[in-house]
């Protein structure tokens, strides 16, 4: 049986390295602990990446996406031309399925 915390940490590092290879400055924002209620940045992002005049918030998950409505609502209120919200889903033995959220809507990234 796989320890899900270890797997999650490994997948976050894979995502971080992919963003860094595309010249993003990346920080893992997820906090862990027994008594921490909200672990993600703003409740929607594990990674915060910055590039000149751009901010990308990325939620990383394994094998199935989180519900889209929460992220779509967040993007409708706070995202725009310079702030992007994405969800990256790591599918075992297949790789990434990526979703981008803009103006309360979402779609897969090709």
PDB file of N, CA and C in Angstrom:
ATOM      1  N   UNK A   1       0.845  -1.185   0.000  1.00  0.00           N
ATOM      2  CA  UNK A   1       0.000   0.000   0.000  1.00  0.00           C
ATOM      3  C   UNK A   1       0.886   1.243   0.000  1.00  0.00           C
ATOM      4  N   UNK A   2       0.507   2.212  -0.803  1.00  0.00           N
ATOM      5  CA  UNK A   2       1.290   3.437  -0.954  1.00  0.00           C
ATOM      6  C   UNK A   2       0.842   4.471   0.076  1.00  0.00           C
ATOM      7  N   UNK A   3       1.807   5.118   0.695  1.00  0.00           N
ATOM      8  CA  UNK A   3       1.510   6.218   1.606  1.00  0.00           C
ATOM      9  C   UNK A   3       1.108   7.420   0.770  1.00  0.00           C
ATOM     10  N   UNK A   4      -0.145   7.888   0.940  1.00  0.00           N
ATOM     11  CA  UNK A   4      -0.652   8.967   0.095  1.00  0.00           C
ATOM     12  C   UNK A   4       0.063  10.285   0.339  1.00  0.00           C
ATOM     13  N   UNK A   5       0.555  10.530   1.549  1.00  0.00           N
ATOM     14  CA  UNK A   5       1.298  11.766   1.815  1.00  0.00           C
ATOM     15  C   UNK A   5       2.607  11.785   1.040  1.00  0.00           C
ATOM     16  N   UNK A   6       3.283  10.648   0.988  1.00  0.00           N
ATOM     17  CA  UNK A   6       4.544  10.552   0.251  1.00  0.00           C
ATOM     18  C   UNK A   6       4.285  10.717  -1.247  1.00  0.00           C
ATOM     19  N   UNK A   7       3.237  10.056  -1.742  1.00  0.00           N
ATOM     20  CA  UNK A   7       2.907  10.164  -3.162  1.00  0.00           C
ATOM     21  C   UNK A   7       2.542  11.600  -3.522  1.00  0.00           C
ATOM     22  N   UNK A   8       1.743  12.253  -2.698  1.00  0.00           N
ATOM     23  CA  UNK A   8       1.368  13.635  -2.941  1.00  0.00           C
ATOM     24  C   UNK A   8       2.571  14.557  -2.967  1.00  0.00           C
ATOM     25  N   UNK A   9       3.496  14.350  -2.039  1.00  0.00           N
ATOM     26  CA  UNK A   9       4.715  15.157  -2.013  1.00  0.00           C
ATOM     27  C   UNK A   9       5.565  14.940  -3.244  1.00  0.00           C
ATOM     28  N   UNK A  10       5.641  13.708  -3.687  1.00  0.00           N
ATOM     29  CA  UNK A  10       6.425  13.392  -4.881  1.00  0.00           C
ATOM     30  C   UNK A  10       5.816  14.048  -6.126  1.00  0.00           C
ATOM     31  N   UNK A  11       4.491  13.990  -6.238  1.00  0.00           N
ATOM     32  CA  UNK A  11       3.820  14.580  -7.398  1.00  0.00           C
ATOM     33  C   UNK A  11       3.939  16.110  -7.381  1.00  0.00           C
ATOM     34  N   UNK A  12       3.862  16.729  -6.199  1.00  0.00           N
ATOM     35  CA  UNK A  12       4.064  18.185  -6.095  1.00  0.00           C
ATOM     36  C   UNK A  12       5.454  18.570  -6.570  1.00  0.00           C
ATOM     37  N   UNK A  13       6.464  17.784  -6.199  1.00  0.00           N
ATOM     38  CA  UNK A  13       7.835  18.081  -6.648  1.00  0.00           C
ATOM     39  C   UNK A  13       7.986  17.934  -8.159  1.00  0.00           C
ATOM     40  N   UNK A  14       7.300  16.955  -8.753  1.00  0.00           N
ATOM     41  CA  UNK A  14       7.329  16.805 -10.210  1.00  0.00           C
ATOM     42  C   UNK A  14       6.740  18.048 -10.867  1.00  0.00           C
ATOM     43  N   UNK A  15       5.615  18.526 -10.339  1.00  0.00           N
ATOM     44  CA  UNK A  15       4.981  19.736 -10.885  1.00  0.00           C
ATOM     45  C   UNK A  15       5.884  20.952 -10.711  1.00  0.00           C
ATOM     46  N   UNK A  16       6.505  21.062  -9.542  1.00  0.00           N
ATOM     47  CA  UNK A  16       7.402  22.194  -9.269  1.00  0.00           C
ATOM     48  C   UNK A  16       8.562  22.198 -10.260  1.00  0.00           C
ATOM     49  N   UNK A  17       9.165  21.048 -10.496  1.00  0.00           N
ATOM     50  CA  UNK A  17      10.290  20.964 -11.426  1.00  0.00           C
ATOM     51  C   UNK A  17       9.861  21.293 -12.854  1.00  0.00           C
ATOM     52  N   UNK A  18       8.657  20.889 -13.227  1.00  0.00           N
ATOM     53  CA  UNK A  18       8.173  21.212 -14.578  1.00  0.00           C
ATOM     54  C   UNK A  18       7.980  22.716 -14.749  1.00  0.00           C
ATOM     55  N   UNK A  19       7.417  23.363 -13.741  1.00  0.00           N
ATOM     56  CA  UNK A  19       7.249  24.815 -13.805  1.00  0.00           C
ATOM     57  C   UNK A  19       8.608  25.521 -13.819  1.00  0.00           C
ATOM     58  N   UNK A  20       9.529  25.071 -12.982  1.00  0.00           N
ATOM     59  CA  UNK A  20      10.861  25.688 -12.936  1.00  0.00           C
ATOM     60  C   UNK A  20      11.600  25.522 -14.262  1.00  0.00           C
ATOM     61  N   UNK A  21      11.378  24.408 -14.944  1.00  0.00           N
ATOM     62  CA  UNK A  21      12.032  24.215 -16.239  1.00  0.00           C
ATOM     63  C   UNK A  21      11.485  25.170 -17.296  1.00  0.00           C
ATOM     64  N   UNK A  22      10.305  25.742 -17.034  1.00  0.00           N
ATOM     65  CA  UNK A  22       9.713  26.741 -17.931  1.00  0.00           C
ATOM     66  C   UNK A  22       9.954  28.157 -17.394  1.00  0.00           C
ATOM     67  N   UNK A  23      10.988  28.319 -16.554  1.00  0.00           N
ATOM     68  CA  UNK A  23      11.440  29.612 -16.018  1.00  0.00           C
ATOM     69  C   UNK A  23      10.479  30.280 -15.045  1.00  0.00           C
ATOM     70  N   UNK A  24       9.658  29.514 -14.340  1.00  0.00           N
ATOM     71  CA  UNK A  24       8.825  30.060 -13.269  1.00  0.00           C
ATOM     72  C   UNK A  24       9.594  29.968 -11.953  1.00  0.00           C
ATOM     73  N   UNK A  25       9.424  30.952 -11.091  1.00  0.00           N
ATOM     74  CA  UNK A  25       9.929  30.896  -9.723  1.00  0.00           C
ATOM     75  C   UNK A  25       8.798  30.296  -8.899  1.00  0.00           C
ATOM     76  N   UNK A  26       9.027  29.144  -8.257  1.00  0.00           N
ATOM     77  CA  UNK A  26       7.948  28.359  -7.659  1.00  0.00           C
ATOM     78  C   UNK A  26       8.166  28.166  -6.168  1.00  0.00           C
ATOM     79  N   UNK A  27       7.059  28.258  -5.412  1.00  0.00           N
ATOM     80  CA  UNK A  27       7.077  27.961  -3.985  1.00  0.00           C
ATOM     81  C   UNK A  27       5.934  26.997  -3.681  1.00  0.00           C
ATOM     82  N   UNK A  28       6.228  25.974  -2.879  1.00  0.00           N
ATOM     83  CA  UNK A  28       5.182  25.064  -2.408  1.00  0.00           C
ATOM     84  C   UNK A  28       4.497  25.753  -1.236  1.00  0.00           C
ATOM     85  N   UNK A  29       3.213  26.022  -1.378  1.00  0.00           N
ATOM     86  CA  UNK A  29       2.497  26.798  -0.367  1.00  0.00           C
ATOM     87  C   UNK A  29       1.664  25.932   0.562  1.00  0.00           C
ATOM     88  N   UNK A  30       1.514  24.658   0.251  1.00  0.00           N
ATOM     89  CA  UNK A  30       0.697  23.783   1.093  1.00  0.00           C
ATOM     90  C   UNK A  30       1.366  23.580   2.451  1.00  0.00           C
ATOM     91  N   UNK A  31       0.592  23.786   3.507  1.00  0.00           N
ATOM     92  CA  UNK A  31       1.087  23.563   4.862  1.00  0.00           C
ATOM     93  C   UNK A  31       0.506  22.257   5.385  1.00  0.00           C
ATOM     94  N   UNK A  32       1.310  21.535   6.128  1.00  0.00           N
ATOM     95  CA  UNK A  32       0.833  20.280   6.694  1.00  0.00           C
ATOM     96  C   UNK A  32       0.890  20.357   8.205  1.00  0.00           C
ATOM     97  N   UNK A  33       0.037  19.612   8.826  1.00  0.00           N
ATOM     98  CA  UNK A  33       0.002  19.555  10.278  1.00  0.00           C
ATOM     99  C   UNK A  33      -1.338  19.032  10.757  1.00  0.00           C
ATOM    100  N   UNK A  34      -1.341  18.510  11.936  1.00  0.00           N
ATOM    101  CA  UNK A  34      -2.540  17.872  12.482  1.00  0.00           C
ATOM    102  C   UNK A  34      -3.677  18.863  12.703  1.00  0.00           C
ATOM    103  N   UNK A  35      -3.367  20.069  13.135  1.00  0.00           N
ATOM    104  CA  UNK A  35      -4.403  21.014  13.531  1.00  0.00           C
ATOM    105  C   UNK A  35      -4.623  22.151  12.531  1.00  0.00           C
ATOM    106  N   UNK A  36      -4.009  22.070  11.363  1.00  0.00           N
ATOM    107  CA  UNK A  36      -4.182  23.102  10.349  1.00  0.00           C
ATOM    108  C   UNK A  36      -5.438  22.782   9.547  1.00  0.00           C
ATOM    109  N   UNK A  37      -6.397  23.714   9.554  1.00  0.00           N
ATOM    110  CA  UNK A  37      -7.662  23.463   8.859  1.00  0.00           C
ATOM    111  C   UNK A  37      -7.562  23.739   7.366  1.00  0.00           C
ATOM    112  N   UNK A  38      -7.010  24.862   6.970  1.00  0.00           N
ATOM    113  CA  UNK A  38      -6.876  25.195   5.559  1.00  0.00           C
ATOM    114  C   UNK A  38      -5.419  25.044   5.174  1.00  0.00           C
ATOM    115  N   UNK A  39      -5.124  24.030   4.397  1.00  0.00           N
ATOM    116  CA  UNK A  39      -3.739  23.692   4.094  1.00  0.00           C
ATOM    117  C   UNK A  39      -3.221  24.372   2.831  1.00  0.00           C
ATOM    118  N   UNK A  40      -4.106  24.657   1.887  1.00  0.00           N
ATOM    119  CA  UNK A  40      -3.700  25.242   0.603  1.00  0.00           C
ATOM    120  C   UNK A  40      -3.753  26.767   0.643  1.00  0.00           C
ATOM    121  N   UNK A  41      -2.972  27.397  -0.219  1.00  0.00           N
ATOM    122  CA  UNK A  41      -2.993  28.849  -0.358  1.00  0.00           C
ATOM    123  C   UNK A  41      -4.368  29.280  -0.847  1.00  0.00           C
ATOM    124  N   UNK A  42      -5.041  30.112  -0.096  1.00  0.00           N
ATOM    125  CA  UNK A  42      -6.395  30.587  -0.389  1.00  0.00           C
ATOM    126  C   UNK A  42      -7.397  29.446  -0.529  1.00  0.00           C
ATOM    127  N   UNK A  43      -7.034  28.276  -0.064  1.00  0.00           N
ATOM    128  CA  UNK A  43      -7.918  27.121  -0.158  1.00  0.00           C
ATOM    129  C   UNK A  43      -7.970  26.480  -1.524  1.00  0.00           C
ATOM    130  N   UNK A  44      -7.132  26.936  -2.481  1.00  0.00           N
ATOM    131  CA  UNK A  44      -7.210  26.406  -3.848  1.00  0.00           C
ATOM    132  C   UNK A  44      -5.866  26.038  -4.480  1.00  0.00           C
ATOM    133  N   UNK A  45      -4.732  26.344  -3.872  1.00  0.00           N
ATOM    134  CA  UNK A  45      -3.461  26.140  -4.585  1.00  0.00           C
ATOM    135  C   UNK A  45      -2.385  25.525  -3.698  1.00  0.00           C
ATOM    136  N   UNK A  46      -1.680  24.548  -4.264  1.00  0.00           N
ATOM    137  CA  UNK A  46      -0.522  23.936  -3.611  1.00  0.00           C
ATOM    138  C   UNK A  46       0.770  24.646  -3.989  1.00  0.00           C
ATOM    139  N   UNK A  47       0.806  25.200  -5.200  1.00  0.00           N
ATOM    140  CA  UNK A  47       2.010  25.862  -5.700  1.00  0.00           C
ATOM    141  C   UNK A  47       1.673  27.285  -6.133  1.00  0.00           C
ATOM    142  N   UNK A  48       2.598  28.186  -5.869  1.00  0.00           N
ATOM    143  CA  UNK A  48       2.489  29.556  -6.360  1.00  0.00           C
ATOM    144  C   UNK A  48       3.725  29.805  -7.219  1.00  0.00           C
ATOM    145  N   UNK A  49       3.495  30.151  -8.484  1.00  0.00           N
ATOM    146  CA  UNK A  49       4.598  30.375  -9.418  1.00  0.00           C
ATOM    147  C   UNK A  49       4.538  31.807  -9.937  1.00  0.00           C
ATOM    148  N   UNK A  50       5.714  32.417 -10.054  1.00  0.00           N
ATOM    149  CA  UNK A  50       5.795  33.799 -10.509  1.00  0.00           C
ATOM    150  C   UNK A  50       6.780  33.885 -11.671  1.00  0.00           C
ATOM    151  N   UNK A  51       6.350  34.589 -12.691  1.00  0.00           N
ATOM    152  CA  UNK A  51       7.182  34.916 -13.836  1.00  0.00           C
ATOM    153  C   UNK A  51       6.924  36.386 -14.109  1.00  0.00           C
ATOM    154  N   UNK A  52       7.747  37.040 -14.856  1.00  0.00           N
ATOM    155  CA  UNK A  52       7.598  38.471 -15.095  1.00  0.00           C
ATOM    156  C   UNK A  52       6.151  38.833 -15.433  1.00  0.00           C
ATOM    157  N   UNK A  53       5.537  39.655 -14.583  1.00  0.00           N
ATOM    158  CA  UNK A  53       4.165  40.152 -14.746  1.00  0.00           C
ATOM    159  C   UNK A  53       3.092  39.065 -14.742  1.00  0.00           C
ATOM    160  N   UNK A  54       3.390  37.866 -14.240  1.00  0.00           N
ATOM    161  CA  UNK A  54       2.403  36.787 -14.199  1.00  0.00           C
ATOM    162  C   UNK A  54       2.500  36.027 -12.886  1.00  0.00           C
ATOM    163  N   UNK A  55       1.342  35.602 -12.408  1.00  0.00           N
ATOM    164  CA  UNK A  55       1.266  34.727 -11.239  1.00  0.00           C
ATOM    165  C   UNK A  55       0.416  33.537 -11.629  1.00  0.00           C
ATOM    166  N   UNK A  56       0.906  32.350 -11.317  1.00  0.00           N
ATOM    167  CA  UNK A  56       0.158  31.127 -11.606  1.00  0.00           C
ATOM    168  C   UNK A  56      -0.028  30.362 -10.302  1.00  0.00           C
ATOM    169  N   UNK A  57      -1.277  30.070  -9.957  1.00  0.00           N
ATOM    170  CA  UNK A  57      -1.610  29.253  -8.797  1.00  0.00           C
ATOM    171  C   UNK A  57      -1.981  27.871  -9.309  1.00  0.00           C
ATOM    172  N   UNK A  58      -1.342  26.835  -8.759  1.00  0.00           N
ATOM    173  CA  UNK A  58      -1.550  25.476  -9.268  1.00  0.00           C
ATOM    174  C   UNK A  58      -1.985  24.558  -8.130  1.00  0.00           C
ATOM    175  N   UNK A  59      -3.103  23.878  -8.333  1.00  0.00           N
ATOM    176  CA  UNK A  59      -3.551  22.827  -7.429  1.00  0.00           C
ATOM    177  C   UNK A  59      -3.091  21.504  -8.028  1.00  0.00           C
ATOM    178  N   UNK A  60      -2.383  20.696  -7.254  1.00  0.00           N
ATOM    179  CA  UNK A  60      -1.861  19.417  -7.733  1.00  0.00           C
ATOM    180  C   UNK A  60      -2.621  18.301  -7.035  1.00  0.00           C
ATOM    181  N   UNK A  61      -3.065  17.318  -7.813  1.00  0.00           N
ATOM    182  CA  UNK A  61      -3.787  16.189  -7.244  1.00  0.00           C
ATOM    183  C   UNK A  61      -3.435  14.924  -8.019  1.00  0.00           C
ATOM    184  N   UNK A  62      -3.789  13.781  -7.467  1.00  0.00           N
ATOM    185  CA  UNK A  62      -3.464  12.501  -8.084  1.00  0.00           C
ATOM    186  C   UNK A  62      -4.730  11.758  -8.503  1.00  0.00           C
ATOM    187  N   UNK A  63      -4.756  11.313  -9.753  1.00  0.00           N
ATOM    188  CA  UNK A  63      -5.745  10.403 -10.321  1.00  0.00           C
ATOM    189  C   UNK A  63      -7.157  10.929 -10.501  1.00  0.00           C
ATOM    190  N   UNK A  64      -7.582  11.930  -9.772  1.00  0.00           N
ATOM    191  CA  UNK A  64      -8.907  12.516 -10.005  1.00  0.00           C
ATOM    192  C   UNK A  64      -8.880  13.972  -9.573  1.00  0.00           C
ATOM    193  N   UNK A  65      -9.576  14.818 -10.317  1.00  0.00           N
ATOM    194  CA  UNK A  65      -9.554  16.248  -9.987  1.00  0.00           C
ATOM    195  C   UNK A  65     -10.412  16.563  -8.775  1.00  0.00           C
ATOM    196  N   UNK A  66     -10.087  17.670  -8.130  1.00  0.00           N
ATOM    197  CA  UNK A  66     -10.963  18.201  -7.100  1.00  0.00           C
ATOM    198  C   UNK A  66     -12.186  18.790  -7.797  1.00  0.00           C
ATOM    199  N   UNK A  67     -13.209  19.110  -7.031  1.00  0.00           N
ATOM    200  CA  UNK A  67     -14.405  19.683  -7.639  1.00  0.00           C
ATOM    201  C   UNK A  67     -14.045  21.002  -8.326  1.00  0.00           C
ATOM    202  N   UNK A  68     -14.608  21.202  -9.496  1.00  0.00           N
ATOM    203  CA  UNK A  68     -14.269  22.377 -10.296  1.00  0.00           C
ATOM    204  C   UNK A  68     -14.984  23.638  -9.826  1.00  0.00           C
ATOM    205  N   UNK A  69     -16.135  23.528  -9.200  1.00  0.00           N
ATOM    206  CA  UNK A  69     -16.920  24.722  -8.872  1.00  0.00           C
ATOM    207  C   UNK A  69     -16.180  25.656  -7.929  1.00  0.00           C
ATOM    208  N   UNK A  70     -15.461  25.114  -6.949  1.00  0.00           N
ATOM    209  CA  UNK A  70     -14.745  25.973  -5.993  1.00  0.00           C
ATOM    210  C   UNK A  70     -13.645  26.767  -6.697  1.00  0.00           C
ATOM    211  N   UNK A  71     -12.918  26.104  -7.566  1.00  0.00           N
ATOM    212  CA  UNK A  71     -11.835  26.768  -8.276  1.00  0.00           C
ATOM    213  C   UNK A  71     -12.376  27.741  -9.319  1.00  0.00           C
ATOM    214  N   UNK A  72     -13.470  27.380  -9.966  1.00  0.00           N
ATOM    215  CA  UNK A  72     -14.083  28.274 -10.952  1.00  0.00           C
ATOM    216  C   UNK A  72     -14.595  29.544 -10.273  1.00  0.00           C
ATOM    217  N   UNK A  73     -15.184  29.395  -9.090  1.00  0.00           N
ATOM    218  CA  UNK A  73     -15.680  30.570  -8.358  1.00  0.00           C
ATOM    219  C   UNK A  73     -14.516  31.465  -7.922  1.00  0.00           C
ATOM    220  N   UNK A  74     -13.425  30.860  -7.448  1.00  0.00           N
ATOM    221  CA  UNK A  74     -12.246  31.632  -7.057  1.00  0.00           C
ATOM    222  C   UNK A  74     -11.691  32.397  -8.255  1.00  0.00           C
ATOM    223  N   UNK A  75     -11.584  31.728  -9.396  1.00  0.00           N
ATOM    224  CA  UNK A  75     -11.024  32.382 -10.585  1.00  0.00           C
ATOM    225  C   UNK A  75     -11.915  33.519 -11.068  1.00  0.00           C
ATOM    226  N   UNK A  76     -13.216  33.360 -10.920  1.00  0.00           N
ATOM    227  CA  UNK A  76     -14.142  34.416 -11.333  1.00  0.00           C
ATOM    228  C   UNK A  76     -13.921  35.689 -10.515  1.00  0.00           C
ATOM    229  N   UNK A  77     -13.616  35.526  -9.240  1.00  0.00           N
ATOM    230  CA  UNK A  77     -13.439  36.681  -8.365  1.00  0.00           C
ATOM    231  C   UNK A  77     -12.038  37.272  -8.429  1.00  0.00           C
ATOM    232  N   UNK A  78     -11.007  36.445  -8.562  1.00  0.00           N
ATOM    233  CA  UNK A  78      -9.648  36.935  -8.329  1.00  0.00           C
ATOM    234  C   UNK A  78      -8.680  36.797  -9.504  1.00  0.00           C
ATOM    235  N   UNK A  79      -8.980  36.013 -10.494  1.00  0.00           N
ATOM    236  CA  UNK A  79      -8.039  35.806 -11.591  1.00  0.00           C
ATOM    237  C   UNK A  79      -8.346  36.731 -12.756  1.00  0.00           C
ATOM    238  N   UNK A  80      -7.327  37.027 -13.519  1.00  0.00           N
ATOM    239  CA  UNK A  80      -7.469  37.901 -14.678  1.00  0.00           C
ATOM    240  C   UNK A  80      -6.335  37.679 -15.641  1.00  0.00           C
ATOM    241  N   UNK A  81      -5.940  38.736 -16.323  1.00  0.00           N
ATOM    242  CA  UNK A  81      -4.882  38.618 -17.327  1.00  0.00           C
ATOM    243  C   UNK A  81      -3.546  38.202 -16.724  1.00  0.00           C
ATOM    244  N   UNK A  82      -3.229  38.669 -15.528  1.00  0.00           N
ATOM    245  CA  UNK A  82      -1.917  38.400 -14.931  1.00  0.00           C
ATOM    246  C   UNK A  82      -1.940  37.319 -13.861  1.00  0.00           C
ATOM    247  N   UNK A  83      -3.124  36.847 -13.479  1.00  0.00           N
ATOM    248  CA  UNK A  83      -3.239  35.805 -12.458  1.00  0.00           C
ATOM    249  C   UNK A  83      -3.991  34.630 -13.066  1.00  0.00           C
ATOM    250  N   UNK A  84      -3.347  33.459 -13.055  1.00  0.00           N
ATOM    251  CA  UNK A  84      -3.932  32.251 -13.627  1.00  0.00           C
ATOM    252  C   UNK A  84      -4.128  31.214 -12.529  1.00  0.00           C
ATOM    253  N   UNK A  85      -5.185  30.434 -12.642  1.00  0.00           N
ATOM    254  CA  UNK A  85      -5.436  29.322 -11.727  1.00  0.00           C
ATOM    255  C   UNK A  85      -5.541  28.051 -12.563  1.00  0.00           C
ATOM    256  N   UNK A  86      -4.755  27.038 -12.178  1.00  0.00           N
ATOM    257  CA  UNK A  86      -4.764  25.768 -12.899  1.00  0.00           C
ATOM    258  C   UNK A  86      -4.829  24.619 -11.910  1.00  0.00           C
ATOM    259  N   UNK A  87      -5.369  23.508 -12.378  1.00  0.00           N
ATOM    260  CA  UNK A  87      -5.349  22.274 -11.601  1.00  0.00           C
ATOM    261  C   UNK A  87      -4.641  21.218 -12.443  1.00  0.00           C
ATOM    262  N   UNK A  88      -3.618  20.612 -11.869  1.00  0.00           N
ATOM    263  CA  UNK A  88      -2.868  19.573 -12.555  1.00  0.00           C
ATOM    264  C   UNK A  88      -3.173  18.250 -11.873  1.00  0.00           C
ATOM    265  N   UNK A  89      -3.689  17.294 -12.640  1.00  0.00           N
ATOM    266  CA  UNK A  89      -4.036  15.980 -12.121  1.00  0.00           C
ATOM    267  C   UNK A  89      -3.033  14.972 -12.664  1.00  0.00           C
ATOM    268  N   UNK A  90      -2.308  14.318 -11.755  1.00  0.00           N
ATOM    269  CA  UNK A  90      -1.335  13.308 -12.157  1.00  0.00           C
ATOM    270  C   UNK A  90      -2.058  11.970 -12.252  1.00  0.00           C
ATOM    271  N   UNK A  91      -2.120  11.404 -13.456  1.00  0.00           N
ATOM    272  CA  UNK A  91      -2.744  10.102 -13.681  1.00  0.00           C
ATOM    273  C   UNK A  91      -1.622   9.065 -13.720  1.00  0.00           C
ATOM    274  N   UNK A  92      -1.736   8.049 -12.893  1.00  0.00           N
ATOM    275  CA  UNK A  92      -0.690   7.024 -12.809  1.00  0.00           C
ATOM    276  C   UNK A  92      -0.367   6.446 -14.175  1.00  0.00           C
ATOM    277  N   UNK A  93       0.915   6.350 -14.484  1.00  0.00           N
ATOM    278  CA  UNK A  93       1.453   5.763 -15.711  1.00  0.00           C
ATOM    279  C   UNK A  93       1.002   6.480 -16.984  1.00  0.00           C
ATOM    280  N   UNK A  94       0.402   7.667 -16.857  1.00  0.00           N
ATOM    281  CA  UNK A  94      -0.021   8.410 -18.044  1.00  0.00           C
ATOM    282  C   UNK A  94       0.533   9.832 -18.063  1.00  0.00           C
ATOM    283  N   UNK A  95       0.613  10.471 -16.906  1.00  0.00           N
ATOM    284  CA  UNK A  95       1.119  11.839 -16.864  1.00  0.00           C
ATOM    285  C   UNK A  95       0.039  12.825 -16.460  1.00  0.00           C
ATOM    286  N   UNK A  96       0.207  14.075 -16.862  1.00  0.00           N
ATOM    287  CA  UNK A  96      -0.656  15.167 -16.416  1.00  0.00           C
ATOM    288  C   UNK A  96      -1.907  15.323 -17.268  1.00  0.00           C
ATOM    289  N   UNK A  97      -2.997  15.655 -16.598  1.00  0.00           N
ATOM    290  CA  UNK A  97      -4.189  16.225 -17.219  1.00  0.00           C
ATOM    291  C   UNK A  97      -4.333  17.584 -16.547  1.00  0.00           C
ATOM    292  N   UNK A  98      -4.321  18.663 -17.333  1.00  0.00           N
ATOM    293  CA  UNK A  98      -4.305  20.012 -16.763  1.00  0.00           C
ATOM    294  C   UNK A  98      -5.595  20.750 -17.119  1.00  0.00           C
ATOM    295  N   UNK A  99      -6.111  21.473 -16.122  1.00  0.00           N
ATOM    296  CA  UNK A  99      -7.309  22.296 -16.299  1.00  0.00           C
ATOM    297  C   UNK A  99      -6.946  23.745 -16.006  1.00  0.00           C
ATOM    298  N   UNK A 100      -7.452  24.663 -16.816  1.00  0.00           N
ATOM    299  CA  UNK A 100      -7.264  26.093 -16.590  1.00  0.00           C
ATOM    300  C   UNK A 100      -8.619  26.704 -16.265  1.00  0.00           C
ATOM    301  N   UNK A 101      -8.632  27.619 -15.313  1.00  0.00           N
ATOM    302  CA  UNK A 101      -9.862  28.271 -14.869  1.00  0.00           C
ATOM    303  C   UNK A 101      -9.773  29.751 -15.211  1.00  0.00           C
ATOM    304  N   UNK A 102     -10.784  30.241 -15.914  1.00  0.00           N
ATOM    305  CA  UNK A 102     -10.843  31.660 -16.249  1.00  0.00           C
ATOM    306  C   UNK A 102     -12.285  32.119 -16.232  1.00  0.00           C
ATOM    307  N   UNK A 103     -12.518  33.231 -15.573  1.00  0.00           N
ATOM    308  CA  UNK A 103     -13.825  33.877 -15.525  1.00  0.00           C
ATOM    309  C   UNK A 103     -14.931  32.906 -15.149  1.00  0.00           C
ATOM    310  N   UNK A 104     -14.674  32.065 -14.158  1.00  0.00           N
ATOM    311  CA  UNK A 104     -15.695  31.162 -13.653  1.00  0.00           C
ATOM    312  C   UNK A 104     -15.929  29.928 -14.504  1.00  0.00           C
ATOM    313  N   UNK A 105     -15.115  29.726 -15.539  1.00  0.00           N
ATOM    314  CA  UNK A 105     -15.272  28.575 -16.428  1.00  0.00           C
ATOM    315  C   UNK A 105     -13.950  27.808 -16.419  1.00  0.00           C
ATOM    316  N   UNK A 106     -13.979  26.583 -16.909  1.00  0.00           N
ATOM    317  CA  UNK A 106     -12.744  25.799 -16.959  1.00  0.00           C
ATOM    318  C   UNK A 106     -12.715  24.943 -18.207  1.00  0.00           C
ATOM    319  N   UNK A 107     -11.505  24.537 -18.546  1.00  0.00           N
ATOM    320  CA  UNK A 107     -11.321  23.639 -19.679  1.00  0.00           C
ATOM    321  C   UNK A 107      -9.964  22.996 -19.608  1.00  0.00           C
ATOM    322  N   UNK A 108      -9.815  21.881 -20.290  1.00  0.00           N
ATOM    323  CA  UNK A 108      -8.526  21.184 -20.316  1.00  0.00           C
ATOM    324  C   UNK A 108      -7.517  21.981 -21.121  1.00  0.00           C
ATOM    325  N   UNK A 109      -6.278  21.931 -20.655  1.00  0.00           N
ATOM    326  CA  UNK A 109      -5.164  22.550 -21.369  1.00  0.00           C
ATOM    327  C   UNK A 109      -4.594  21.511 -22.317  1.00  0.00           C
ATOM    328  N   UNK A 110      -4.405  21.886 -23.551  1.00  0.00           N
ATOM    329  CA  UNK A 110      -3.866  20.932 -24.555  1.00  0.00           C
ATOM    330  C   UNK A 110      -2.390  20.803 -24.410  1.00  0.00           C
TER     331      UNK A 110
END
